[in-house]
Amino acid sequence: MLKFIFNLKEQIDDMVGVMMQCIFAKIPAVSPETKKGP
């Protein structure tokens, strides 16, 4: 059960990371630092 919860947390972390990337991609000028990225 604990392993399942840990797996779920990893999946949620991945989903949040992807969502953050999508959100930042839709906002062109969040900060000058983001423009230097790939």
Protein backbone atom coordinates (compact mmCIF):
# COMPACT_ATOMS: atom_id res chain seq x y z
CA MET A 1 0.00 0.00 0.00
CA LEU A 2 2.81 2.38 0.89
CA LYS A 3 4.54 1.57 -2.39
CA PHE A 4 1.32 2.36 -4.27
CA ILE A 5 1.04 5.75 -2.56
CA PHE A 6 4.69 6.50 -3.38
CA ASN A 7 4.05 5.56 -7.02
CA LEU A 8 1.00 7.80 -7.09
CA LYS A 9 3.01 10.71 -5.69
CA GLU A 10 5.63 10.27 -8.42
CA GLN A 11 2.93 10.28 -11.10
CA ILE A 12 1.33 13.41 -9.64
CA ASP A 13 4.73 15.12 -9.50
CA ASP A 14 5.26 14.28 -13.18
CA MET A 15 1.81 15.59 -14.10
CA VAL A 16 2.39 18.82 -12.18
CA GLY A 17 5.74 19.25 -13.93
CA VAL A 18 4.12 18.83 -17.34
CA MET A 19 1.32 21.22 -16.42
CA MET A 20 3.82 23.83 -15.24
CA GLN A 21 5.74 23.50 -18.52
CA CYS A 22 2.50 23.97 -20.49
CA ILE A 23 1.50 27.00 -18.41
CA PHE A 24 4.92 28.63 -18.77
CA ALA A 25 4.94 27.83 -22.50
CA LYS A 26 1.64 29.70 -22.90
CA ILE A 27 3.01 32.75 -21.05
CA PRO A 28 5.74 34.05 -23.41
CA ALA A 29 7.28 36.63 -21.07
CA VAL A 30 7.19 35.32 -17.52
CA SER A 31 10.71 36.59 -16.86
CA PRO A 32 13.89 37.27 -18.87
CA GLU A 33 15.34 33.99 -17.57
CA THR A 34 12.74 31.87 -19.37
CA LYS A 35 13.71 33.30 -22.77
CA LYS A 36 17.24 31.91 -22.34
CA GLY A 37 15.93 28.35 -21.99
CA PRO A 38 15.74 25.79 -24.81
